[in-house]
Amino acid sequence: MVKAPLPYYGAEELFISPLTVETHRRNLMQKLEVSNAASLIKVAVEKQLI
């Protein structure tokens, strides 16, 4: 099976809508003041969130 690209990756396993995943990602990006997914991941690693 081919894995879907973000933001859909993980939605099925969590039993939530891909739109919900996208909304949460967008909200996190706003709160952390980043403009793209790579920066979001970088901040999350720096803050030891992942």
Foldseek 3Di string as FASTA:
>chain_A
DDADDPPVGPCVVVVHDSVVSVVVVVVQCVVVVHDDPVVSVVVCVVVVVD
